[in-house]
Amino acid sequence: MDILTGVLDAWKSAVDAHEPARVAELFTEDAIFQGLHPYSVGRDSVAAYYDSQPLGMTADYRVVESRRLSDDVVLGYAAVDFGFTDRPTLPVHLSVVVRRVGGAWLIAHYQVSRL
């Protein structure tokens, strides 16, 4: 779980600071990304998605489950509350696959759903 928490802490920090390029750096070059809009692939689309989010948006998460699928792959499931300055908090569920690339752990798959 330390691997997953490390990646999600970095993601939260970049989201909270509204730094889309820093968020995108946490993803693999070919990451599959599914926010609450149609899916996209790659870091440029991740940066564009987070750039379109309102200033002041924050992400608070709690890891619900995680599994080490191999030495270089971790699956995670988290509850995330996206906070806003001008509307109610949006609770979602987040599934991620993080993969070791060189010496870094990066998000290879990201999918948000509202249940």
PDB file of N, CA and C in Angstrom:
ATOM      1  N   MET A   1       0.825  -1.200   0.000  1.00  0.00           N
ATOM      2  CA  MET A   1       0.000   0.000   0.000  1.00  0.00           C
ATOM      3  C   MET A   1       0.863   1.256   0.000  1.00  0.00           C
ATOM      4  N   ASP A   2       2.117   1.160   0.474  1.00  0.00           N
ATOM      5  CA  ASP A   2       2.995   2.330   0.486  1.00  0.00           C
ATOM      6  C   ASP A   2       3.225   2.877  -0.911  1.00  0.00           C
ATOM      7  N   ILE A   3       3.352   1.987  -1.892  1.00  0.00           N
ATOM      8  CA  ILE A   3       3.553   2.428  -3.275  1.00  0.00           C
ATOM      9  C   ILE A   3       2.351   3.224  -3.745  1.00  0.00           C
ATOM     10  N   LEU A   4       1.172   2.675  -3.547  1.00  0.00           N
ATOM     11  CA  LEU A   4      -0.053   3.334  -3.977  1.00  0.00           C
ATOM     12  C   LEU A   4      -0.247   4.665  -3.260  1.00  0.00           C
ATOM     13  N   THR A   5      -0.031   4.685  -1.969  1.00  0.00           N
ATOM     14  CA  THR A   5      -0.178   5.915  -1.196  1.00  0.00           C
ATOM     15  C   THR A   5       0.809   6.977  -1.669  1.00  0.00           C
ATOM     16  N   GLY A   6       2.031   6.578  -1.966  1.00  0.00           N
ATOM     17  CA  GLY A   6       3.015   7.535  -2.469  1.00  0.00           C
ATOM     18  C   GLY A   6       2.578   8.180  -3.769  1.00  0.00           C
ATOM     19  N   VAL A   7       2.069   7.375  -4.693  1.00  0.00           N
ATOM     20  CA  VAL A   7       1.599   7.901  -5.979  1.00  0.00           C
ATOM     21  C   VAL A   7       0.384   8.796  -5.769  1.00  0.00           C
ATOM     22  N   LEU A   8      -0.574   8.340  -4.970  1.00  0.00           N
ATOM     23  CA  LEU A   8      -1.796   9.142  -4.765  1.00  0.00           C
ATOM     24  C   LEU A   8      -1.527  10.407  -3.950  1.00  0.00           C
ATOM     25  N   ASP A   9      -0.572  10.374  -3.034  1.00  0.00           N
ATOM     26  CA  ASP A   9      -0.198  11.607  -2.320  1.00  0.00           C
ATOM     27  C   ASP A   9       0.363  12.645  -3.290  1.00  0.00           C
ATOM     28  N   ALA A  10       1.218  12.202  -4.212  1.00  0.00           N
ATOM     29  CA  ALA A  10       1.775  13.117  -5.211  1.00  0.00           C
ATOM     30  C   ALA A  10       0.677  13.650  -6.130  1.00  0.00           C
ATOM     31  N   TRP A  11      -0.244  12.771  -6.529  1.00  0.00           N
ATOM     32  CA  TRP A  11      -1.387  13.177  -7.372  1.00  0.00           C
ATOM     33  C   TRP A  11      -2.226  14.213  -6.647  1.00  0.00           C
ATOM     34  N   LYS A  12      -2.572  13.950  -5.385  1.00  0.00           N
ATOM     35  CA  LYS A  12      -3.377  14.883  -4.592  1.00  0.00           C
ATOM     36  C   LYS A  12      -2.681  16.241  -4.478  1.00  0.00           C
ATOM     37  N   SER A  13      -1.386  16.230  -4.203  1.00  0.00           N
ATOM     38  CA  SER A  13      -0.637  17.472  -4.070  1.00  0.00           C
ATOM     39  C   SER A  13      -0.701  18.306  -5.345  1.00  0.00           C
ATOM     40  N   ALA A  14      -0.528  17.657  -6.494  1.00  0.00           N
ATOM     41  CA  ALA A  14      -0.563  18.367  -7.774  1.00  0.00           C
ATOM     42  C   ALA A  14      -1.980  18.837  -8.114  1.00  0.00           C
ATOM     43  N   VAL A  15      -2.990  18.020  -7.816  1.00  0.00           N
ATOM     44  CA  VAL A  15      -4.385  18.423  -8.053  1.00  0.00           C
ATOM     45  C   VAL A  15      -4.736  19.617  -7.172  1.00  0.00           C
ATOM     46  N   ASP A  16      -4.425  19.526  -5.889  1.00  0.00           N
ATOM     47  CA  ASP A  16      -4.752  20.604  -4.949  1.00  0.00           C
ATOM     48  C   ASP A  16      -4.072  21.917  -5.337  1.00  0.00           C
ATOM     49  N   ALA A  17      -2.873  21.845  -5.916  1.00  0.00           N
ATOM     50  CA  ALA A  17      -2.124  23.038  -6.316  1.00  0.00           C
ATOM     51  C   ALA A  17      -2.527  23.537  -7.707  1.00  0.00           C
ATOM     52  N   HIS A  18      -3.449  22.838  -8.355  1.00  0.00           N
ATOM     53  CA  HIS A  18      -3.884  23.127  -9.730  1.00  0.00           C
ATOM     54  C   HIS A  18      -2.665  23.250 -10.650  1.00  0.00           C
ATOM     55  N   GLU A  19      -1.879  22.167 -10.671  1.00  0.00           N
ATOM     56  CA  GLU A  19      -0.698  22.090 -11.527  1.00  0.00           C
ATOM     57  C   GLU A  19      -0.862  20.919 -12.498  1.00  0.00           C
ATOM     58  N   PRO A  20      -1.600  21.149 -13.590  1.00  0.00           N
ATOM     59  CA  PRO A  20      -1.928  20.066 -14.527  1.00  0.00           C
ATOM     60  C   PRO A  20      -0.704  19.358 -15.103  1.00  0.00           C
ATOM     61  N   ALA A  21       0.364  20.081 -15.391  1.00  0.00           N
ATOM     62  CA  ALA A  21       1.555  19.446 -15.949  1.00  0.00           C
ATOM     63  C   ALA A  21       2.184  18.506 -14.926  1.00  0.00           C
ATOM     64  N   ARG A  22       2.170  18.897 -13.660  1.00  0.00           N
ATOM     65  CA  ARG A  22       2.729  18.036 -12.611  1.00  0.00           C
ATOM     66  C   ARG A  22       1.852  16.799 -12.416  1.00  0.00           C
ATOM     67  N   VAL A  23       0.529  16.960 -12.517  1.00  0.00           N
ATOM     68  CA  VAL A  23      -0.366  15.803 -12.451  1.00  0.00           C
ATOM     69  C   VAL A  23      -0.008  14.835 -13.586  1.00  0.00           C
ATOM     70  N   ALA A  24       0.116  15.362 -14.794  1.00  0.00           N
ATOM     71  CA  ALA A  24       0.375  14.525 -15.971  1.00  0.00           C
ATOM     72  C   ALA A  24       1.689  13.763 -15.861  1.00  0.00           C
ATOM     73  N   GLU A  25       2.680  14.334 -15.209  1.00  0.00           N
ATOM     74  CA  GLU A  25       3.974  13.656 -15.041  1.00  0.00           C
ATOM     75  C   GLU A  25       3.861  12.392 -14.202  1.00  0.00           C
ATOM     76  N   LEU A  26       2.772  12.250 -13.461  1.00  0.00           N
ATOM     77  CA  LEU A  26       2.562  11.075 -12.620  1.00  0.00           C
ATOM     78  C   LEU A  26       1.964   9.901 -13.400  1.00  0.00           C
ATOM     79  N   PHE A  27       1.700  10.110 -14.673  1.00  0.00           N
ATOM     80  CA  PHE A  27       1.089   9.100 -15.544  1.00  0.00           C
ATOM     81  C   PHE A  27       2.110   8.598 -16.556  1.00  0.00           C
ATOM     82  N   THR A  28       1.924   7.350 -17.013  1.00  0.00           N
ATOM     83  CA  THR A  28       2.766   6.831 -18.082  1.00  0.00           C
ATOM     84  C   THR A  28       2.442   7.587 -19.370  1.00  0.00           C
ATOM     85  N   GLU A  29       3.372   7.508 -20.312  1.00  0.00           N
ATOM     86  CA  GLU A  29       3.175   8.184 -21.607  1.00  0.00           C
ATOM     87  C   GLU A  29       1.911   7.695 -22.313  1.00  0.00           C
ATOM     88  N   ASP A  30       1.555   6.416 -22.124  1.00  0.00           N
ATOM     89  CA  ASP A  30       0.408   5.823 -22.812  1.00  0.00           C
ATOM     90  C   ASP A  30      -0.755   5.520 -21.870  1.00  0.00           C
ATOM     91  N   ALA A  31      -0.834   6.255 -20.770  1.00  0.00           N
ATOM     92  CA  ALA A  31      -1.866   5.992 -19.762  1.00  0.00           C
ATOM     93  C   ALA A  31      -3.274   6.099 -20.349  1.00  0.00           C
ATOM     94  N   ILE A  32      -4.123   5.173 -19.935  1.00  0.00           N
ATOM     95  CA  ILE A  32      -5.550   5.249 -20.249  1.00  0.00           C
ATOM     96  C   ILE A  32      -6.186   6.040 -19.116  1.00  0.00           C
ATOM     97  N   PHE A  33      -6.888   7.110 -19.463  1.00  0.00           N
ATOM     98  CA  PHE A  33      -7.423   8.034 -18.470  1.00  0.00           C
ATOM     99  C   PHE A  33      -8.928   8.196 -18.665  1.00  0.00           C
ATOM    100  N   GLN A  34      -9.684   7.905 -17.617  1.00  0.00           N
ATOM    101  CA  GLN A  34     -11.136   8.073 -17.648  1.00  0.00           C
ATOM    102  C   GLN A  34     -11.542   8.886 -16.433  1.00  0.00           C
ATOM    103  N   GLY A  35     -11.713  10.191 -16.644  1.00  0.00           N
ATOM    104  CA  GLY A  35     -12.282  11.025 -15.596  1.00  0.00           C
ATOM    105  C   GLY A  35     -13.790  10.923 -15.716  1.00  0.00           C
ATOM    106  N   LEU A  36     -14.485  12.019 -15.492  1.00  0.00           N
ATOM    107  CA  LEU A  36     -15.948  12.013 -15.647  1.00  0.00           C
ATOM    108  C   LEU A  36     -16.361  12.456 -17.048  1.00  0.00           C
ATOM    109  N   HIS A  37     -15.420  12.450 -17.977  1.00  0.00           N
ATOM    110  CA  HIS A  37     -15.663  12.779 -19.384  1.00  0.00           C
ATOM    111  C   HIS A  37     -15.198  11.587 -20.209  1.00  0.00           C
ATOM    112  N   PRO A  38     -15.410  11.605 -21.504  1.00  0.00           N
ATOM    113  CA  PRO A  38     -14.943  10.486 -22.336  1.00  0.00           C
ATOM    114  C   PRO A  38     -13.450  10.219 -22.116  1.00  0.00           C
ATOM    115  N   TYR A  39     -13.068   8.963 -22.271  1.00  0.00           N
ATOM    116  CA  TYR A  39     -11.695   8.557 -21.981  1.00  0.00           C
ATOM    117  C   TYR A  39     -10.716   9.187 -22.966  1.00  0.00           C
ATOM    118  N   SER A  40      -9.455   9.188 -22.554  1.00  0.00           N
ATOM    119  CA  SER A  40      -8.375   9.662 -23.408  1.00  0.00           C
ATOM    120  C   SER A  40      -7.133   8.842 -23.106  1.00  0.00           C
ATOM    121  N   VAL A  41      -6.094   9.065 -23.895  1.00  0.00           N
ATOM    122  CA  VAL A  41      -4.846   8.329 -23.724  1.00  0.00           C
ATOM    123  C   VAL A  41      -3.680   9.312 -23.743  1.00  0.00           C
ATOM    124  N   GLY A  42      -2.791   9.173 -22.775  1.00  0.00           N
ATOM    125  CA  GLY A  42      -1.551   9.935 -22.781  1.00  0.00           C
ATOM    126  C   GLY A  42      -1.536  11.131 -21.846  1.00  0.00           C
ATOM    127  N   ARG A  43      -0.324  11.576 -21.579  1.00  0.00           N
ATOM    128  CA  ARG A  43      -0.104  12.672 -20.634  1.00  0.00           C
ATOM    129  C   ARG A  43      -0.721  13.991 -21.077  1.00  0.00           C
ATOM    130  N   ASP A  44      -0.688  14.279 -22.382  1.00  0.00           N
ATOM    131  CA  ASP A  44      -1.259  15.550 -22.843  1.00  0.00           C
ATOM    132  C   ASP A  44      -2.741  15.640 -22.506  1.00  0.00           C
ATOM    133  N   SER A  45      -3.457  14.538 -22.663  1.00  0.00           N
ATOM    134  CA  SER A  45      -4.887  14.556 -22.368  1.00  0.00           C
ATOM    135  C   SER A  45      -5.139  14.658 -20.865  1.00  0.00           C
ATOM    136  N   VAL A  46      -4.271  14.062 -20.052  1.00  0.00           N
ATOM    137  CA  VAL A  46      -4.391  14.184 -18.598  1.00  0.00           C
ATOM    138  C   VAL A  46      -4.189  15.645 -18.193  1.00  0.00           C
ATOM    139  N   ALA A  47      -3.152  16.281 -18.745  1.00  0.00           N
ATOM    140  CA  ALA A  47      -2.892  17.692 -18.434  1.00  0.00           C
ATOM    141  C   ALA A  47      -4.062  18.568 -18.857  1.00  0.00           C
ATOM    142  N   ALA A  48      -4.612  18.315 -20.035  1.00  0.00           N
ATOM    143  CA  ALA A  48      -5.746  19.114 -20.518  1.00  0.00           C
ATOM    144  C   ALA A  48      -6.965  18.934 -19.609  1.00  0.00           C
ATOM    145  N   TYR A  49      -7.216  17.702 -19.182  1.00  0.00           N
ATOM    146  CA  TYR A  49      -8.348  17.431 -18.292  1.00  0.00           C
ATOM    147  C   TYR A  49      -8.214  18.224 -16.992  1.00  0.00           C
ATOM    148  N   TYR A  50      -7.056  18.135 -16.357  1.00  0.00           N
ATOM    149  CA  TYR A  50      -6.881  18.829 -15.078  1.00  0.00           C
ATOM    150  C   TYR A  50      -6.764  20.333 -15.246  1.00  0.00           C
ATOM    151  N   ASP A  51      -6.303  20.790 -16.394  1.00  0.00           N
ATOM    152  CA  ASP A  51      -6.276  22.233 -16.662  1.00  0.00           C
ATOM    153  C   ASP A  51      -7.694  22.786 -16.755  1.00  0.00           C
ATOM    154  N   SER A  52      -8.632  21.954 -17.195  1.00  0.00           N
ATOM    155  CA  SER A  52     -10.025  22.400 -17.341  1.00  0.00           C
ATOM    156  C   SER A  52     -10.787  22.405 -16.014  1.00  0.00           C
ATOM    157  N   GLN A  53     -10.191  21.844 -14.967  1.00  0.00           N
ATOM    158  CA  GLN A  53     -10.866  21.802 -13.669  1.00  0.00           C
ATOM    159  C   GLN A  53     -10.792  23.171 -12.989  1.00  0.00           C
ATOM    160  N   PRO A  54     -11.784  23.499 -12.173  1.00  0.00           N
ATOM    161  CA  PRO A  54     -11.819  24.825 -11.562  1.00  0.00           C
ATOM    162  C   PRO A  54     -10.701  25.034 -10.529  1.00  0.00           C
ATOM    163  N   LEU A  55     -10.231  26.267 -10.464  1.00  0.00           N
ATOM    164  CA  LEU A  55      -9.268  26.629  -9.427  1.00  0.00           C
ATOM    165  C   LEU A  55      -9.902  26.366  -8.072  1.00  0.00           C
ATOM    166  N   GLY A  56      -9.116  25.889  -7.153  1.00  0.00           N
ATOM    167  CA  GLY A  56      -9.628  25.611  -5.817  1.00  0.00           C
ATOM    168  C   GLY A  56     -10.138  24.191  -5.630  1.00  0.00           C
ATOM    169  N   MET A  57     -10.177  23.393  -6.716  1.00  0.00           N
ATOM    170  CA  MET A  57     -10.602  22.004  -6.577  1.00  0.00           C
ATOM    171  C   MET A  57      -9.536  21.247  -5.789  1.00  0.00           C
ATOM    172  N   THR A  58      -9.986  20.406  -4.874  1.00  0.00           N
ATOM    173  CA  THR A  58      -9.084  19.587  -4.074  1.00  0.00           C
ATOM    174  C   THR A  58      -9.521  18.132  -4.155  1.00  0.00           C
ATOM    175  N   ALA A  59      -8.608  17.241  -3.810  1.00  0.00           N
ATOM    176  CA  ALA A  59      -8.904  15.812  -3.823  1.00  0.00           C
ATOM    177  C   ALA A  59      -8.468  15.207  -2.494  1.00  0.00           C
ATOM    178  N   ASP A  60      -9.414  14.650  -1.777  1.00  0.00           N
ATOM    179  CA  ASP A  60      -9.108  13.900  -0.561  1.00  0.00           C
ATOM    180  C   ASP A  60      -9.457  12.448  -0.829  1.00  0.00           C
ATOM    181  N   TYR A  61      -8.530  11.565  -0.525  1.00  0.00           N
ATOM    182  CA  TYR A  61      -8.755  10.162  -0.865  1.00  0.00           C
ATOM    183  C   TYR A  61      -8.507   9.258   0.335  1.00  0.00           C
ATOM    184  N   ARG A  62      -9.092   8.069   0.215  1.00  0.00           N
ATOM    185  CA  ARG A  62      -8.870   6.999   1.177  1.00  0.00           C
ATOM    186  C   ARG A  62      -8.754   5.707   0.385  1.00  0.00           C
ATOM    187  N   VAL A  63      -7.629   5.025   0.521  1.00  0.00           N
ATOM    188  CA  VAL A  63      -7.449   3.746  -0.166  1.00  0.00           C
ATOM    189  C   VAL A  63      -8.379   2.725   0.469  1.00  0.00           C
ATOM    190  N   VAL A  64      -9.176   2.070  -0.357  1.00  0.00           N
ATOM    191  CA  VAL A  64     -10.112   1.048   0.099  1.00  0.00           C
ATOM    192  C   VAL A  64      -9.480  -0.332  -0.023  1.00  0.00           C
ATOM    193  N   GLU A  65      -8.859  -0.593  -1.161  1.00  0.00           N
ATOM    194  CA  GLU A  65      -8.210  -1.892  -1.408  1.00  0.00           C
ATOM    195  C   GLU A  65      -6.995  -1.666  -2.297  1.00  0.00           C
ATOM    196  N   SER A  66      -6.019  -2.524  -2.142  1.00  0.00           N
ATOM    197  CA  SER A  66      -4.885  -2.528  -3.068  1.00  0.00           C
ATOM    198  C   SER A  66      -4.351  -3.949  -3.177  1.00  0.00           C
ATOM    199  N   ARG A  67      -3.785  -4.240  -4.333  1.00  0.00           N
ATOM    200  CA  ARG A  67      -3.211  -5.553  -4.596  1.00  0.00           C
ATOM    201  C   ARG A  67      -1.920  -5.367  -5.387  1.00  0.00           C
ATOM    202  N   ARG A  68      -0.894  -6.050  -4.973  1.00  0.00           N
ATOM    203  CA  ARG A  68       0.363  -6.082  -5.735  1.00  0.00           C
ATOM    204  C   ARG A  68       0.207  -7.198  -6.750  1.00  0.00           C
ATOM    205  N   LEU A  69       0.027  -6.857  -8.026  1.00  0.00           N
ATOM    206  CA  LEU A  69      -0.222  -7.856  -9.057  1.00  0.00           C
ATOM    207  C   LEU A  69       1.067  -8.514  -9.539  1.00  0.00           C
ATOM    208  N   SER A  70       2.168  -7.776  -9.457  1.00  0.00           N
ATOM    209  CA  SER A  70       3.480  -8.312  -9.800  1.00  0.00           C
ATOM    210  C   SER A  70       4.511  -7.384  -9.167  1.00  0.00           C
ATOM    211  N   ASP A  71       5.778  -7.669  -9.385  1.00  0.00           N
ATOM    212  CA  ASP A  71       6.815  -6.803  -8.815  1.00  0.00           C
ATOM    213  C   ASP A  71       6.671  -5.359  -9.293  1.00  0.00           C
ATOM    214  N   ASP A  72       6.159  -5.175 -10.504  1.00  0.00           N
ATOM    215  CA  ASP A  72       6.115  -3.848 -11.121  1.00  0.00           C
ATOM    216  C   ASP A  72       4.718  -3.285 -11.324  1.00  0.00           C
ATOM    217  N   VAL A  73       3.679  -3.925 -10.760  1.00  0.00           N
ATOM    218  CA  VAL A  73       2.300  -3.470 -10.987  1.00  0.00           C
ATOM    219  C   VAL A  73       1.493  -3.548  -9.693  1.00  0.00           C
ATOM    220  N   VAL A  74       0.792  -2.448  -9.390  1.00  0.00           N
ATOM    221  CA  VAL A  74      -0.099  -2.389  -8.231  1.00  0.00           C
ATOM    222  C   VAL A  74      -1.472  -1.915  -8.701  1.00  0.00           C
ATOM    223  N   LEU A  75      -2.502  -2.581  -8.229  1.00  0.00           N
ATOM    224  CA  LEU A  75      -3.889  -2.205  -8.490  1.00  0.00           C
ATOM    225  C   LEU A  75      -4.426  -1.515  -7.242  1.00  0.00           C
ATOM    226  N   GLY A  76      -5.123  -0.418  -7.427  1.00  0.00           N
ATOM    227  CA  GLY A  76      -5.691   0.274  -6.278  1.00  0.00           C
ATOM    228  C   GLY A  76      -7.113   0.719  -6.508  1.00  0.00           C
ATOM    229  N   TYR A  77      -7.868   0.759  -5.423  1.00  0.00           N
ATOM    230  CA  TYR A  77      -9.256   1.225  -5.429  1.00  0.00           C
ATOM    231  C   TYR A  77      -9.393   2.198  -4.267  1.00  0.00           C
ATOM    232  N   ALA A  78      -9.874   3.407  -4.554  1.00  0.00           N
ATOM    233  CA  ALA A  78      -9.941   4.449  -3.527  1.00  0.00           C
ATOM    234  C   ALA A  78     -11.266   5.189  -3.582  1.00  0.00           C
ATOM    235  N   ALA A  79     -11.665   5.707  -2.432  1.00  0.00           N
ATOM    236  CA  ALA A  79     -12.791   6.641  -2.348  1.00  0.00           C
ATOM    237  C   ALA A  79     -12.183   8.035  -2.384  1.00  0.00           C
ATOM    238  N   VAL A  80     -12.683   8.873  -3.269  1.00  0.00           N
ATOM    239  CA  VAL A  80     -12.138  10.224  -3.430  1.00  0.00           C
ATOM    240  C   VAL A  80     -13.263  11.236  -3.297  1.00  0.00           C
ATOM    241  N   ASP A  81     -13.001  12.286  -2.534  1.00  0.00           N
ATOM    242  CA  ASP A  81     -13.912  13.420  -2.438  1.00  0.00           C
ATOM    243  C   ASP A  81     -13.248  14.612  -3.111  1.00  0.00           C
ATOM    244  N   PHE A  82     -13.823  15.040  -4.236  1.00  0.00           N
ATOM    245  CA  PHE A  82     -13.343  16.250  -4.899  1.00  0.00           C
ATOM    246  C   PHE A  82     -14.092  17.435  -4.295  1.00  0.00           C
ATOM    247  N   GLY A  83     -13.343  18.358  -3.709  1.00  0.00           N
ATOM    248  CA  GLY A  83     -13.928  19.537  -3.088  1.00  0.00           C
ATOM    249  C   GLY A  83     -13.831  20.738  -4.018  1.00  0.00           C
ATOM    250  N   PHE A  84     -14.816  21.621  -3.903  1.00  0.00           N
ATOM    251  CA  PHE A  84     -14.879  22.811  -4.749  1.00  0.00           C
ATOM    252  C   PHE A  84     -15.185  24.026  -3.880  1.00  0.00           C
ATOM    253  N   THR A  85     -14.870  25.195  -4.375  1.00  0.00           N
ATOM    254  CA  THR A  85     -15.140  26.421  -3.626  1.00  0.00           C
ATOM    255  C   THR A  85     -16.568  26.909  -3.822  1.00  0.00           C
ATOM    256  N   ASP A  86     -17.231  26.443  -4.883  1.00  0.00           N
ATOM    257  CA  ASP A  86     -18.530  27.008  -5.241  1.00  0.00           C
ATOM    258  C   ASP A  86     -19.657  25.990  -5.380  1.00  0.00           C
ATOM    259  N   ARG A  87     -19.413  24.742  -4.996  1.00  0.00           N
ATOM    260  CA  ARG A  87     -20.457  23.711  -5.097  1.00  0.00           C
ATOM    261  C   ARG A  87     -20.139  22.584  -4.138  1.00  0.00           C
ATOM    262  N   PRO A  88     -21.100  21.700  -3.935  1.00  0.00           N
ATOM    263  CA  PRO A  88     -20.892  20.609  -2.972  1.00  0.00           C
ATOM    264  C   PRO A  88     -19.754  19.663  -3.394  1.00  0.00           C
ATOM    265  N   THR A  89     -19.220  18.986  -2.424  1.00  0.00           N
ATOM    266  CA  THR A  89     -18.195  17.973  -2.645  1.00  0.00           C
ATOM    267  C   THR A  89     -18.750  16.863  -3.527  1.00  0.00           C
ATOM    268  N   LEU A  90     -17.901  16.361  -4.421  1.00  0.00           N
ATOM    269  CA  LEU A  90     -18.289  15.284  -5.329  1.00  0.00           C
ATOM    270  C   LEU A  90     -17.570  13.995  -4.911  1.00  0.00           C
ATOM    271  N   PRO A  91     -18.301  13.041  -4.315  1.00  0.00           N
ATOM    272  CA  PRO A  91     -17.680  11.767  -3.952  1.00  0.00           C
ATOM    273  C   PRO A  91     -17.643  10.832  -5.162  1.00  0.00           C
ATOM    274  N   VAL A  92     -16.493  10.205  -5.397  1.00  0.00           N
ATOM    275  CA  VAL A  92     -16.340   9.269  -6.508  1.00  0.00           C
ATOM    276  C   VAL A  92     -15.520   8.066  -6.046  1.00  0.00           C
ATOM    277  N   HIS A  93     -15.462   7.082  -6.917  1.00  0.00           N
ATOM    278  CA  HIS A  93     -14.625   5.910  -6.706  1.00  0.00           C
ATOM    279  C   HIS A  93     -13.550   5.926  -7.779  1.00  0.00           C
ATOM    280  N   LEU A  94     -12.337   5.630  -7.403  1.00  0.00           N
ATOM    281  CA  LEU A  94     -11.203   5.682  -8.318  1.00  0.00           C
ATOM    282  C   LEU A  94     -10.493   4.338  -8.341  1.00  0.00           C
ATOM    283  N   SER A  95     -10.326   3.798  -9.536  1.00  0.00           N
ATOM    284  CA  SER A  95      -9.510   2.610  -9.729  1.00  0.00           C
ATOM    285  C   SER A  95      -8.267   3.027 -10.509  1.00  0.00           C
ATOM    286  N   VAL A  96      -7.110   2.574 -10.044  1.00  0.00           N
ATOM    287  CA  VAL A  96      -5.863   2.883 -10.733  1.00  0.00           C
ATOM    288  C   VAL A  96      -5.005   1.635 -10.833  1.00  0.00           C
ATOM    289  N   VAL A  97      -4.206   1.609 -11.875  1.00  0.00           N
ATOM    290  CA  VAL A  97      -3.135   0.644 -12.004  1.00  0.00           C
ATOM    291  C   VAL A  97      -1.862   1.471 -12.066  1.00  0.00           C
ATOM    292  N   VAL A  98      -0.957   1.233 -11.129  1.00  0.00           N
ATOM    293  CA  VAL A  98       0.328   1.923 -11.156  1.00  0.00           C
ATOM    294  C   VAL A  98       1.402   0.913 -11.539  1.00  0.00           C
ATOM    295  N   ARG A  99       2.348   1.417 -12.323  1.00  0.00           N
ATOM    296  CA  ARG A  99       3.370   0.537 -12.887  1.00  0.00           C
ATOM    297  C   ARG A  99       4.736   1.171 -12.678  1.00  0.00           C
ATOM    298  N   ARG A 100       5.705   0.345 -12.344  1.00  0.00           N
ATOM    299  CA  ARG A 100       7.069   0.850 -12.191  1.00  0.00           C
ATOM    300  C   ARG A 100       7.672   1.038 -13.582  1.00  0.00           C
ATOM    301  N   VAL A 101       8.136   2.247 -13.831  1.00  0.00           N
ATOM    302  CA  VAL A 101       8.788   2.580 -15.093  1.00  0.00           C
ATOM    303  C   VAL A 101      10.154   3.150 -14.716  1.00  0.00           C
ATOM    304  N   GLY A 102      11.196   2.401 -15.007  1.00  0.00           N
ATOM    305  CA  GLY A 102      12.521   2.803 -14.519  1.00  0.00           C
ATOM    306  C   GLY A 102      12.481   2.752 -13.001  1.00  0.00           C
ATOM    307  N   GLY A 103      12.808   3.841 -12.358  1.00  0.00           N
ATOM    308  CA  GLY A 103      12.770   3.885 -10.902  1.00  0.00           C
ATOM    309  C   GLY A 103      11.529   4.545 -10.339  1.00  0.00           C
ATOM    310  N   ALA A 104      10.586   4.915 -11.200  1.00  0.00           N
ATOM    311  CA  ALA A 104       9.398   5.651 -10.751  1.00  0.00           C
ATOM    312  C   ALA A 104       8.141   4.795 -10.872  1.00  0.00           C
ATOM    313  N   TRP A 105       7.202   5.026  -9.960  1.00  0.00           N
ATOM    314  CA  TRP A 105       5.881   4.413 -10.040  1.00  0.00           C
ATOM    315  C   TRP A 105       4.938   5.421 -10.669  1.00  0.00           C
ATOM    316  N   LEU A 106       4.308   5.041 -11.790  1.00  0.00           N
ATOM    317  CA  LEU A 106       3.439   5.942 -12.547  1.00  0.00           C
ATOM    318  C   LEU A 106       2.070   5.300 -12.759  1.00  0.00           C
ATOM    319  N   ILE A 107       1.074   6.137 -12.953  1.00  0.00           N
ATOM    320  CA  ILE A 107      -0.292   5.671 -13.191  1.00  0.00           C
ATOM    321  C   ILE A 107      -0.427   5.276 -14.658  1.00  0.00           C
ATOM    322  N   ALA A 108      -0.771   4.011 -14.909  1.00  0.00           N
ATOM    323  CA  ALA A 108      -0.948   3.511 -16.273  1.00  0.00           C
ATOM    324  C   ALA A 108      -2.427   3.458 -16.663  1.00  0.00           C
ATOM    325  N   HIS A 109      -3.287   3.371 -15.663  1.00  0.00           N
ATOM    326  CA  HIS A 109      -4.742   3.331 -15.910  1.00  0.00           C
ATOM    327  C   HIS A 109      -5.423   4.054 -14.751  1.00  0.00           C
ATOM    328  N   TYR A 110      -6.402   4.904 -15.097  1.00  0.00           N
ATOM    329  CA  TYR A 110      -7.111   5.731 -14.116  1.00  0.00           C
ATOM    330  C   TYR A 110      -8.571   5.762 -14.538  1.00  0.00           C
ATOM    331  N   GLN A 111      -9.459   5.342 -13.652  1.00  0.00           N
ATOM    332  CA  GLN A 111     -10.882   5.364 -13.980  1.00  0.00           C
ATOM    333  C   GLN A 111     -11.694   5.814 -12.782  1.00  0.00           C
ATOM    334  N   VAL A 112     -12.472   6.855 -12.983  1.00  0.00           N
ATOM    335  CA  VAL A 112     -13.360   7.402 -11.958  1.00  0.00           C
ATOM    336  C   VAL A 112     -14.781   6.978 -12.276  1.00  0.00           C
ATOM    337  N   SER A 113     -15.530   6.657 -11.217  1.00  0.00           N
ATOM    338  CA  SER A 113     -16.948   6.375 -11.405  1.00  0.00           C
ATOM    339  C   SER A 113     -17.730   6.949 -10.227  1.00  0.00           C
ATOM    340  N   ARG A 114     -18.958   7.303 -10.513  1.00  0.00           N
ATOM    341  CA  ARG A 114     -19.885   7.727  -9.455  1.00  0.00           C
ATOM    342  C   ARG A 114     -20.867   6.588  -9.275  1.00  0.00           C
ATOM    343  N   LEU A 115     -20.983   6.110  -8.046  1.00  0.00           N
ATOM    344  CA  LEU A 115     -21.907   5.009  -7.767  1.00  0.00           C
ATOM    345  C   LEU A 115     -23.036   5.485  -6.894  1.00  0.00           C
TER     346      LEU A 115
END
